[in-house]
Amino acid sequence: MNKIENIYRSNLLKHPSLGRLLKFKGKPLSILFLSILLTIPYLPGCGTMNSLKIFALRDNSLCVSDLKESLSDINNIGRRYALVFYGELSTYMANSILDKGYKVEIAILEPSNTPSPPKIFKDSGIISLGYLDILGVPSSLLNWVKETHPEWLLYTGSGEPARYWYGQNLICNLAIDSFKEYLIDRAKSIAEKGYDGVFLDDVVINPSLLGGPLYDQPIYDEPKYGSWITHLVELFRRIRNETGMIVVYNAGWSLPNEQLMEAADGVMLESHPGSWSGNVNSPSYYLRDWNAIYNVSIVAQKYAERGKMIIALNYGGDERVEFYTYAAVRLFDFYYWYSTPALNSISDSKVLKLDLGEPLGEHQEVNGTYFRTYSNGIVVLNPTNKISRVSIKVPQHLSRLIDIKTMRICEAHNGDLTLEIGPQEGFVLLCEDAIKKENLNPLFLSGWIIIMITITTVIIVFFKKRRCFPQGSRNQKPKTIPSILI
């Protein structure tokens, strides 16, 4: 009998089979094995559960209205983001952007650097717009233009070809039909690469108003060619009609133009309100005048309410600008992005991951301080140069909020939330439930699940062994011997 017991004990301890391990009393290893399997879909690249959005997938045959409708279906106002990136967007980078939790709905990319939108963007329902400069052509093509299309060129008062962007490009005459055809052909090539639309840059309303240092002042014969904006509207409409793509244009610091907005699907407000000056590689950041920003926002908001895409691109280099610009944009129904002027990197920004939910009303203003209440929190902006103290009426579910910047708890009393805000400062306050949702990203959550289950399994195994061998010695025989061996 002792020999049989020793054989059993030896086999059990030295050569445990997978079946015996998984059938161990209490099944701790079964639980561990199953838990790891369940967490695999949450790991980046291992399934679709790492995205919490419900996507309306599209194909290239869908028209502009279908794309716009699908876009409105897959997002809410509190999570509107538009990636603006002109570098090479590799598959690895595209995956990293989504894995980090950045909530991108629109991507503006440079087709010469990113020949086609990343597949994960397509699969995720992200609308990709290809960059297209419509003011001219690179200066390197000067000889070719002079030989084949000399009528394209506009000249300065001194008789030199007019240039822009510090001489890097030639200003061309949009009134010339062959130049319009050239731009439309480029838009068609962008569509063929799989892009959903075009982003038109250097959209000038009146070239005669251009000036240095970025632009030369060209001579444009309006009596001969007609108003420049008439040709812009024609170009916008032809691109939409002949390619079936979305058209979004860059308004820069200007108001959205009424004629162009009727022909376009959206507009970018650049440096809104975070801007820069100096060298693109070593910029000096600043915030633009709030009155100008607010006036542009009021006009743009009317188009946003009509379903137009309003993209606010901001530049900045510190956390204060990051939160200020985010709060300013979330006062309205715009898409937000935050970057460096080079537009070839992705900022590691907290606010690019936030979901405020749906607005519970329009923005409000009290003593120069602006705020807007969302289902998941509140944004507050003090654009003045003075400290502001404001009291905000909040719904019951937002009575306990957390300041995202400092993680400080802010509590409302009898429905009143009182805040003191520094000069030119933006606040983002989220309810605790939203904080938990943002912090429990899939990778973090699955990692902790595995760690905790592993620890629990080790403890269970330890105590099970203690119960089987009460003296703590492997030389002690088990309390019971399988009946088949007796």
Protein backbone atom coordinates (compact mmCIF):
# COMPACT_ATOMS: atom_id res chain seq x y z
CA MET A 1 0.00 0.00 0.00
CA ASN A 2 2.81 2.42 0.81
CA LYS A 3 4.36 1.74 -2.61
CA ILE A 4 1.10 2.59 -4.37
CA GLU A 5 0.73 5.73 -2.29
CA ASN A 6 4.26 6.82 -3.18
CA ILE A 7 3.64 6.25 -6.91
CA TYR A 8 0.45 8.30 -6.78
CA ARG A 9 2.05 11.07 -4.79
CA SER A 10 5.08 11.16 -7.12
CA ASN A 11 2.96 11.33 -10.25
CA LEU A 12 0.75 14.02 -8.80
CA LEU A 13 3.59 16.29 -7.68
CA LYS A 14 6.26 15.71 -10.31
CA HIS A 15 4.35 15.06 -13.52
CA PRO A 16 0.98 16.82 -13.36
CA SER A 17 -0.97 16.53 -16.60
CA LEU A 18 -2.95 19.45 -18.07
CA GLY A 19 -6.15 17.58 -17.34
CA ARG A 20 -5.27 17.12 -13.67
CA LEU A 21 -4.19 20.74 -13.33
CA LEU A 22 -7.43 22.04 -14.82
CA LYS A 23 -9.46 19.63 -12.67
CA PHE A 24 -7.70 20.69 -9.48
CA LYS A 25 -10.20 21.15 -6.68
CA GLY A 26 -11.60 24.71 -6.81
CA LYS A 27 -10.46 25.03 -10.45
CA PRO A 28 -8.13 28.02 -9.84
CA LEU A 29 -6.04 27.34 -12.94
CA SER A 30 -9.16 26.88 -15.04
CA ILE A 31 -10.26 30.31 -13.90
CA LEU A 32 -6.86 31.81 -14.75
CA PHE A 33 -6.76 30.18 -18.18
CA LEU A 34 -10.31 31.27 -19.03
CA SER A 35 -9.73 34.81 -17.77
CA ILE A 36 -6.68 35.27 -19.97
CA LEU A 37 -8.69 34.09 -22.98
CA LEU A 38 -11.46 36.55 -22.15
CA THR A 39 -9.07 39.49 -21.87
CA ILE A 40 -7.29 38.82 -25.18
CA PRO A 41 -9.98 40.61 -27.27
CA TYR A 42 -9.35 43.79 -25.26
CA LEU A 43 -5.66 43.90 -26.12
CA PRO A 44 -4.70 46.33 -28.91
CA GLY A 45 -4.73 44.66 -32.28
CA CYS A 46 -6.40 41.49 -30.94
CA GLY A 47 -9.99 42.32 -31.73
CA THR A 48 -12.48 45.10 -32.01
CA MET A 49 -13.42 45.48 -28.38
CA ASN A 50 -10.68 48.05 -27.87
CA SER A 51 -12.99 50.53 -29.58
CA LEU A 52 -16.20 51.51 -27.87
CA LYS A 53 -17.70 53.20 -30.90
CA ILE A 54 -20.40 51.76 -33.12
CA PHE A 55 -19.15 52.36 -36.62
CA ALA A 56 -21.13 52.82 -39.79
CA LEU A 57 -18.81 51.21 -42.34
CA ARG A 58 -18.67 52.69 -45.77
CA ASP A 59 -17.23 51.89 -49.18
CA ASN A 60 -15.94 54.18 -51.90
CA SER A 61 -19.21 53.97 -53.82
CA LEU A 62 -21.16 55.94 -51.23
CA CYS A 63 -21.92 59.56 -52.01
CA VAL A 64 -21.19 62.67 -49.94
CA SER A 65 -24.58 62.65 -48.23
CA ASP A 66 -24.05 59.02 -47.14
CA LEU A 67 -20.66 59.89 -45.66
CA LYS A 68 -22.02 62.89 -43.79
CA GLU A 69 -24.93 60.84 -42.48
CA SER A 70 -22.63 58.07 -41.28
CA LEU A 71 -20.40 60.64 -39.59
CA SER A 72 -23.30 62.13 -37.67
CA ASP A 73 -24.35 58.63 -36.59
CA ILE A 74 -21.03 57.59 -35.05
CA ASN A 75 -20.18 60.48 -32.79
CA ASN A 76 -21.56 62.95 -30.31
CA ILE A 77 -20.61 66.58 -29.81
CA GLY A 78 -18.57 65.93 -26.68
CA ARG A 79 -16.19 63.59 -28.49
CA ARG A 80 -15.63 65.39 -31.79
CA TYR A 81 -11.98 65.26 -32.82
CA ALA A 82 -10.30 65.77 -36.19
CA LEU A 83 -6.71 64.54 -36.51
CA VAL A 84 -4.56 66.92 -38.60
CA PHE A 85 -1.29 65.21 -39.53
CA TYR A 86 0.93 65.94 -42.53
CA GLY A 87 3.72 63.45 -41.86
CA GLU A 88 3.85 59.82 -42.89
CA LEU A 89 1.12 58.00 -40.99
CA SER A 90 2.24 54.39 -40.82
CA THR A 91 0.02 51.47 -39.86
CA TYR A 92 1.84 51.29 -36.54
CA MET A 93 1.17 54.97 -35.79
CA ALA A 94 -2.47 54.67 -36.82
CA ASN A 95 -2.93 51.73 -34.46
CA SER A 96 -1.12 53.62 -31.67
CA ILE A 97 -3.41 56.63 -32.04
CA LEU A 98 -6.50 54.51 -31.47
CA ASP A 99 -4.86 52.30 -28.84
CA LYS A 100 -3.98 55.40 -26.81
CA GLY A 101 -7.65 56.25 -26.67
CA TYR A 102 -7.59 59.29 -28.98
CA LYS A 103 -11.16 59.74 -30.17
CA VAL A 104 -10.64 60.56 -33.84
CA GLU A 105 -13.64 60.95 -36.15
CA ILE A 106 -12.01 62.85 -39.04
CA ALA A 107 -8.40 62.64 -40.27
CA ILE A 108 -6.76 65.26 -42.50
CA LEU A 109 -3.68 63.66 -44.07
CA GLU A 110 -1.09 64.54 -46.72
CA PRO A 111 -1.47 62.02 -49.59
CA SER A 112 2.12 62.53 -50.76
CA ASN A 113 3.29 61.23 -47.36
CA THR A 114 0.38 58.87 -46.64
CA PRO A 115 -0.58 57.46 -50.06
CA SER A 116 -3.77 55.88 -48.74
CA PRO A 117 -5.69 56.11 -45.47
CA PRO A 118 -4.67 53.43 -42.93
CA LYS A 119 -6.91 50.39 -43.10
CA ILE A 120 -7.71 50.64 -39.39
CA PHE A 121 -9.07 54.14 -40.02
CA LYS A 122 -11.31 52.82 -42.76
CA ASP A 123 -12.43 49.88 -40.63
CA SER A 124 -13.10 52.22 -37.70
CA GLY A 125 -15.34 54.53 -39.71
CA ILE A 126 -12.92 57.47 -39.57
CA ILE A 127 -13.44 59.87 -42.47
CA SER A 128 -10.10 60.64 -44.18
CA LEU A 129 -9.54 63.87 -46.09
CA GLY A 130 -6.57 64.28 -48.42
CA TYR A 131 -4.67 67.59 -48.37
CA LEU A 132 -4.75 69.68 -51.56
CA ASP A 133 -3.22 73.15 -51.91
CA ILE A 134 -5.24 75.06 -54.53
CA LEU A 135 -3.38 78.41 -54.68
CA GLY A 136 -0.58 77.21 -56.91
CA VAL A 137 2.18 74.71 -57.61
CA PRO A 138 5.68 74.13 -56.17
CA SER A 139 8.34 76.59 -57.33
CA SER A 140 10.36 73.61 -58.60
CA LEU A 141 7.83 73.41 -61.48
CA LEU A 142 8.48 76.97 -62.70
CA ASN A 143 10.22 75.93 -65.94
CA TRP A 144 7.55 73.32 -66.68
CA VAL A 145 4.75 75.85 -66.13
CA LYS A 146 6.46 78.46 -68.33
CA GLU A 147 6.81 75.92 -71.13
CA THR A 148 3.41 74.25 -70.97
CA HIS A 149 1.02 76.61 -69.13
CA PRO A 150 2.48 80.12 -68.94
CA GLU A 151 -1.07 81.46 -68.59
CA TRP A 152 -1.27 79.93 -65.12
CA LEU A 153 1.26 82.31 -63.57
CA LEU A 154 0.38 85.49 -61.71
CA TYR A 155 3.04 88.17 -61.36
CA THR A 156 3.97 90.82 -58.83
CA GLY A 157 4.18 94.53 -59.62
CA SER A 158 7.88 94.09 -60.34
CA GLY A 159 7.19 91.48 -63.01
CA GLU A 160 8.38 88.45 -61.04
CA PRO A 161 6.27 85.29 -60.65
CA ALA A 162 4.24 85.69 -57.46
CA ARG A 163 5.16 83.20 -54.77
CA TYR A 164 3.96 82.14 -51.34
CA TRP A 165 5.15 80.28 -48.27
CA TYR A 166 8.53 82.01 -48.29
CA GLY A 167 8.99 81.42 -52.01
CA GLN A 168 8.30 77.68 -51.93
CA ASN A 169 5.25 77.86 -54.24
CA LEU A 170 4.03 79.78 -57.27
CA ILE A 171 0.66 81.58 -57.18
CA CYS A 172 -1.48 80.47 -60.12
CA ASN A 173 -4.56 81.98 -61.72
CA LEU A 174 -7.65 80.05 -60.63
CA ALA A 175 -9.68 81.70 -63.39
CA ILE A 176 -7.81 79.69 -66.04
CA ASP A 177 -9.83 76.61 -66.96
CA SER A 178 -6.79 74.39 -67.50
CA PHE A 179 -5.53 75.17 -63.98
CA LYS A 180 -8.96 74.27 -62.56
CA GLU A 181 -8.81 71.00 -64.52
CA TYR A 182 -5.36 70.35 -63.06
CA LEU A 183 -6.73 70.75 -59.51
CA ILE A 184 -9.78 68.58 -60.23
CA ASP A 185 -7.53 65.85 -61.62
CA ARG A 186 -5.47 65.98 -58.44
CA ALA A 187 -8.67 65.66 -56.38
CA LYS A 188 -9.67 62.63 -58.45
CA SER A 189 -6.27 61.01 -57.81
CA ILE A 190 -6.82 61.54 -54.07
CA ALA A 191 -10.19 59.80 -54.36
CA GLU A 192 -8.56 56.90 -56.20
CA LYS A 193 -6.18 56.45 -53.27
CA GLY A 194 -9.13 55.67 -51.01
CA TYR A 195 -9.71 59.05 -49.38
CA ASP A 196 -13.26 60.09 -48.54
CA GLY A 197 -12.74 63.76 -49.28
CA VAL A 198 -10.32 66.62 -49.87
CA PHE A 199 -9.10 69.32 -47.55
CA LEU A 200 -8.48 72.47 -49.62
CA ASP A 201 -5.74 74.71 -48.25
CA ASP A 202 -4.65 78.25 -49.16
CA VAL A 203 -8.20 79.19 -50.08
CA VAL A 204 -7.89 82.91 -50.81
CA ILE A 205 -11.03 85.02 -51.15
CA ASN A 206 -9.26 87.94 -52.87
CA PRO A 207 -5.64 87.50 -54.06
CA SER A 208 -5.18 91.28 -54.32
CA LEU A 209 -5.27 91.45 -50.52
CA LEU A 210 -2.34 89.04 -50.08
CA GLY A 211 0.93 90.29 -48.63
CA GLY A 212 4.18 89.33 -46.90
CA PRO A 213 5.96 87.68 -45.38
CA LEU A 214 4.19 84.44 -46.35
CA TYR A 215 2.64 85.71 -49.60
CA ASP A 216 3.67 87.99 -52.43
CA GLN A 217 1.00 90.39 -53.67
CA PRO A 218 -0.02 89.21 -57.14
CA ILE A 219 -1.70 91.32 -59.79
CA TYR A 220 -5.09 89.82 -60.68
CA ASP A 221 -7.16 91.36 -63.47
CA GLU A 222 -10.67 91.05 -62.01
CA PRO A 223 -12.46 92.97 -64.82
CA LYS A 224 -11.00 90.45 -67.27
CA TYR A 225 -11.41 87.24 -65.31
CA GLY A 226 -14.26 87.98 -62.91
CA SER A 227 -14.28 87.70 -59.11
CA TRP A 228 -11.89 85.15 -57.66
CA ILE A 229 -14.52 83.73 -55.31
CA THR A 230 -16.75 82.86 -58.27
CA HIS A 231 -14.03 80.53 -59.52
CA LEU A 232 -13.58 79.11 -56.01
CA VAL A 233 -17.27 78.21 -55.79
CA GLU A 234 -17.10 76.60 -59.23
CA LEU A 235 -14.05 74.54 -58.18
CA PHE A 236 -15.72 73.39 -54.95
CA ARG A 237 -18.88 72.31 -56.74
CA ARG A 238 -17.05 70.52 -59.53
CA ILE A 239 -14.88 68.55 -57.09
CA ARG A 240 -17.95 67.43 -55.16
CA ASN A 241 -19.94 66.57 -58.28
CA GLU A 242 -17.17 64.89 -60.28
CA THR A 243 -15.53 62.92 -57.45
CA GLY A 244 -18.41 62.38 -55.00
CA MET A 245 -16.05 63.40 -52.19
CA ILE A 246 -16.45 65.59 -49.14
CA VAL A 247 -14.99 69.09 -49.50
CA VAL A 248 -13.63 70.94 -46.47
CA TYR A 249 -11.65 74.16 -46.84
CA ASN A 250 -9.30 76.19 -44.66
CA ALA A 251 -10.68 79.61 -43.72
CA GLY A 252 -7.60 80.49 -41.67
CA TRP A 253 -8.44 83.33 -39.31
CA SER A 254 -11.40 84.54 -41.38
CA LEU A 255 -15.10 84.06 -40.94
CA PRO A 256 -16.56 81.10 -42.81
CA ASN A 257 -17.51 82.54 -46.20
CA GLU A 258 -21.21 82.29 -46.96
CA GLN A 259 -20.79 81.45 -50.65
CA LEU A 260 -18.12 78.83 -50.01
CA MET A 261 -20.04 77.24 -47.14
CA GLU A 262 -22.97 76.63 -49.45
CA ALA A 263 -20.64 74.73 -51.80
CA ALA A 264 -18.54 72.96 -49.13
CA ASP A 265 -19.22 70.35 -46.47
CA GLY A 266 -17.16 72.03 -43.82
CA VAL A 267 -14.43 74.45 -42.85
CA MET A 268 -11.28 74.53 -40.75
CA LEU A 269 -10.72 77.43 -38.33
CA GLU A 270 -6.94 77.52 -37.97
CA SER A 271 -5.24 78.83 -34.81
CA HIS A 272 -8.60 78.82 -33.08
CA PRO A 273 -7.73 80.10 -30.50
CA GLY A 274 -4.17 78.78 -29.95
CA SER A 275 -1.64 80.18 -32.42
CA TRP A 276 2.12 80.59 -32.95
CA SER A 277 4.72 82.90 -34.47
CA GLY A 278 8.35 82.63 -35.50
CA ASN A 279 10.00 79.52 -36.90
CA VAL A 280 7.88 76.42 -37.44
CA ASN A 281 10.53 74.29 -35.72
CA SER A 282 10.90 76.59 -32.69
CA PRO A 283 7.56 78.40 -32.42
CA SER A 284 6.46 80.97 -29.91
CA TYR A 285 2.90 80.19 -28.80
CA TYR A 286 0.17 82.65 -27.87
CA LEU A 287 -3.61 82.90 -27.55
CA ARG A 288 -5.49 85.01 -30.07
CA ASP A 289 -7.83 87.82 -29.12
CA TRP A 290 -10.94 86.30 -27.57
CA ASN A 291 -13.42 88.77 -29.13
CA ALA A 292 -12.24 87.80 -32.62
CA ILE A 293 -12.37 84.09 -31.76
CA TYR A 294 -15.83 84.40 -30.25
CA ASN A 295 -17.25 86.29 -33.26
CA VAL A 296 -15.93 83.65 -35.68
CA SER A 297 -17.28 80.89 -33.42
CA ILE A 298 -20.78 82.36 -33.34
CA VAL A 299 -20.92 82.40 -37.14
CA ALA A 300 -19.38 78.93 -37.47
CA GLN A 301 -21.80 77.49 -34.90
CA LYS A 302 -24.73 78.25 -37.19
CA TYR A 303 -23.15 76.09 -39.87
CA ALA A 304 -22.37 73.35 -37.35
CA GLU A 305 -26.05 73.24 -36.42
CA ARG A 306 -26.81 72.71 -40.10
CA GLY A 307 -24.60 69.64 -40.18
CA LYS A 308 -21.44 71.25 -41.57
CA MET A 309 -18.09 70.05 -40.20
CA ILE A 310 -16.35 72.81 -38.25
CA ILE A 311 -12.76 71.87 -37.39
CA ALA A 312 -10.82 73.99 -34.88
CA LEU A 313 -7.07 73.42 -35.22
CA ASN A 314 -5.01 74.67 -32.28
CA TYR A 315 -1.31 75.08 -31.71
CA GLY A 316 0.33 75.04 -28.30
CA GLY A 317 3.15 73.73 -26.20
CA ASP A 318 1.95 73.50 -22.62
CA GLU A 319 -0.90 72.20 -20.50
CA ARG A 320 -2.44 75.63 -19.89
CA VAL A 321 -2.94 76.25 -23.62
CA GLU A 322 -4.15 72.70 -24.06
CA PHE A 323 -7.01 73.10 -21.58
CA TYR A 324 -7.80 76.69 -22.60
CA THR A 325 -8.20 75.81 -26.27
CA TYR A 326 -10.17 72.66 -25.51
CA ALA A 327 -12.63 74.53 -23.28
CA ALA A 328 -13.01 77.28 -25.89
CA VAL A 329 -13.84 74.80 -28.67
CA ARG A 330 -16.19 72.68 -26.52
CA LEU A 331 -18.35 75.76 -25.94
CA PHE A 332 -19.51 75.03 -29.50
CA ASP A 333 -20.26 72.01 -31.71
CA PHE A 334 -16.82 71.89 -33.34
CA TYR A 335 -14.19 69.22 -33.98
CA TYR A 336 -11.05 69.80 -31.94
CA TRP A 337 -7.37 69.13 -32.55
CA TYR A 338 -4.19 70.23 -30.80
CA SER A 339 -0.73 70.07 -32.36
CA THR A 340 2.63 71.66 -33.00
CA PRO A 341 2.90 73.86 -36.14
CA ALA A 342 4.97 71.27 -38.04
CA LEU A 343 1.90 68.96 -38.05
CA ASN A 344 4.15 65.91 -38.29
CA SER A 345 3.76 64.63 -34.72
CA ILE A 346 0.94 63.61 -32.39
CA SER A 347 0.72 65.53 -29.12
CA ASP A 348 0.46 63.45 -25.97
CA SER A 349 -2.57 65.33 -24.72
CA LYS A 350 -5.12 64.45 -22.04
CA VAL A 351 -7.92 66.34 -23.70
CA LEU A 352 -7.68 64.36 -26.95
CA LYS A 353 -9.04 61.34 -25.06
CA LEU A 354 -12.05 62.91 -23.32
CA ASP A 355 -15.71 62.24 -24.00
CA LEU A 356 -17.97 64.92 -22.54
CA GLY A 357 -21.10 63.28 -23.92
CA GLU A 358 -23.98 65.34 -25.24
CA PRO A 359 -24.45 69.04 -24.41
CA LEU A 360 -27.36 69.81 -22.12
CA GLY A 361 -27.80 73.22 -23.70
CA GLU A 362 -25.91 76.02 -25.39
CA HIS A 363 -22.94 77.77 -23.82
CA GLN A 364 -23.61 80.48 -21.23
CA GLU A 365 -21.69 83.54 -20.07
CA VAL A 366 -21.50 85.04 -16.56
CA ASN A 367 -19.33 88.10 -15.90
CA GLY A 368 -17.02 87.38 -18.80
CA THR A 369 -16.67 83.66 -17.97
CA TYR A 370 -18.12 81.08 -20.34
CA PHE A 371 -19.29 77.55 -19.61
CA ARG A 372 -21.23 74.70 -21.17
CA THR A 373 -22.79 71.72 -19.43
CA TYR A 374 -22.57 68.24 -20.95
CA SER A 375 -24.00 64.91 -19.87
CA ASN A 376 -20.55 63.81 -18.61
CA GLY A 377 -19.23 67.11 -17.28
CA ILE A 378 -18.65 70.82 -17.75
CA VAL A 379 -16.17 73.05 -19.59
CA VAL A 380 -15.43 76.50 -18.19
CA LEU A 381 -13.37 79.26 -19.84
CA ASN A 382 -12.06 82.53 -18.44
CA PRO A 383 -10.63 84.45 -21.41
CA THR A 384 -10.06 87.61 -19.37
CA ASN A 385 -6.85 88.78 -17.70
CA LYS A 386 -8.44 88.70 -14.23
CA ILE A 387 -9.32 85.96 -11.77
CA SER A 388 -12.97 85.01 -12.12
CA ARG A 389 -15.33 83.52 -9.57
CA VAL A 390 -18.46 81.96 -11.02
CA SER A 391 -21.43 79.95 -9.75
CA ILE A 392 -22.94 77.38 -12.12
CA LYS A 393 -26.25 75.58 -11.81
CA VAL A 394 -25.61 71.87 -12.37
CA PRO A 395 -27.92 68.84 -12.64
CA GLN A 396 -27.94 66.35 -9.77
CA HIS A 397 -25.78 63.74 -11.52
CA LEU A 398 -22.99 66.33 -11.90
CA SER A 399 -22.96 67.40 -8.26
CA ARG A 400 -19.54 65.77 -7.73
CA LEU A 401 -16.96 66.54 -10.42
CA ILE A 402 -13.22 66.10 -10.89
CA ASP A 403 -10.93 68.72 -12.40
CA ILE A 404 -9.05 66.78 -15.10
CA LYS A 405 -5.97 69.00 -14.88
CA THR A 406 -5.41 68.74 -11.11
CA MET A 407 -7.66 65.75 -10.25
CA ARG A 408 -9.18 67.96 -7.55
CA ILE A 409 -12.74 67.13 -6.47
CA CYS A 410 -15.33 69.89 -6.96
CA GLU A 411 -18.72 69.49 -5.27
CA ALA A 412 -21.93 71.37 -5.87
CA HIS A 413 -24.07 72.53 -2.94
CA ASN A 414 -27.82 72.73 -3.47
CA GLY A 415 -27.25 72.55 -7.20
CA ASP A 416 -24.70 75.40 -7.26
CA LEU A 417 -21.10 74.75 -8.29
CA THR A 418 -18.78 77.62 -7.36
CA LEU A 419 -15.41 77.88 -9.10
CA GLU A 420 -12.50 80.28 -9.04
CA ILE A 421 -10.70 80.42 -12.36
CA GLY A 422 -7.39 82.07 -13.09
CA PRO A 423 -6.86 84.52 -15.98
CA GLN A 424 -6.90 82.95 -19.45
CA GLU A 425 -7.58 79.54 -18.01
CA GLY A 426 -9.79 76.68 -19.10
CA PHE A 427 -11.36 74.04 -16.85
CA VAL A 428 -12.60 70.58 -17.79
CA LEU A 429 -14.67 68.90 -15.08
CA LEU A 430 -15.89 65.33 -15.48
CA CYS A 431 -18.24 63.29 -13.31
CA GLU A 432 -16.69 60.34 -11.50
CA ASP A 433 -18.38 57.75 -13.72
CA ALA A 434 -16.86 59.34 -16.81
CA ILE A 435 -13.44 59.46 -15.14
CA LYS A 436 -13.60 55.72 -14.42
CA LYS A 437 -14.61 55.04 -18.00
CA GLU A 438 -11.72 57.10 -19.36
CA ASN A 439 -9.12 55.63 -17.00
CA LEU A 440 -10.10 51.99 -17.44
CA ASN A 441 -8.69 51.66 -20.92
CA PRO A 442 -8.70 48.07 -22.22
CA LEU A 443 -4.96 47.40 -21.90
CA PHE A 444 -4.80 48.75 -18.36
CA LEU A 445 -7.93 46.87 -17.34
CA SER A 446 -6.91 43.55 -18.88
CA GLY A 447 -3.45 43.78 -17.33
CA TRP A 448 -4.85 44.29 -13.87
CA ILE A 449 -7.36 41.48 -14.34
CA ILE A 450 -4.58 39.06 -15.21
CA ILE A 451 -2.40 40.21 -12.30
CA MET A 452 -5.19 39.95 -9.72
CA ILE A 453 -6.36 36.55 -10.94
CA THR A 454 -2.79 35.26 -10.94
CA ILE A 455 -2.28 36.38 -7.33
CA THR A 456 -5.61 34.87 -6.31
CA THR A 457 -4.74 31.61 -8.06
CA VAL A 458 -1.38 31.34 -6.28
CA ILE A 459 -3.06 31.90 -2.90
CA ILE A 460 -5.74 29.29 -3.62
CA VAL A 461 -3.17 26.76 -4.79
CA PHE A 462 -1.07 27.39 -1.69
CA PHE A 463 -3.96 26.83 0.71
CA LYS A 464 -5.20 23.80 -1.23
CA LYS A 465 -1.79 22.24 -0.86
CA ARG A 466 -1.76 23.09 2.83
CA ARG A 467 -5.09 21.32 3.20
CA CYS A 468 -3.84 18.25 1.34
CA PHE A 469 -0.57 18.21 3.29
CA PRO A 470 -1.35 19.61 6.72
CA GLN A 471 2.22 19.27 8.01
CA GLY A 472 3.55 21.32 5.08
CA SER A 473 5.78 18.42 3.97
CA ARG A 474 5.80 16.75 0.54
CA ASN A 475 6.67 13.50 2.30
CA GLN A 476 3.31 13.43 4.06
CA LYS A 477 0.74 11.24 2.39
CA PRO A 478 -2.53 12.72 1.13
CA LYS A 479 -5.57 12.62 3.35
CA THR A 480 -7.39 10.47 0.77
CA ILE A 481 -6.19 8.04 -1.87
CA PRO A 482 -8.22 7.55 -5.09
CA SER A 483 -10.35 4.47 -4.70
CA ILE A 484 -9.06 3.07 -7.96
CA LEU A 485 -5.60 2.75 -6.41
CA ILE A 486 -6.69 1.10 -3.18
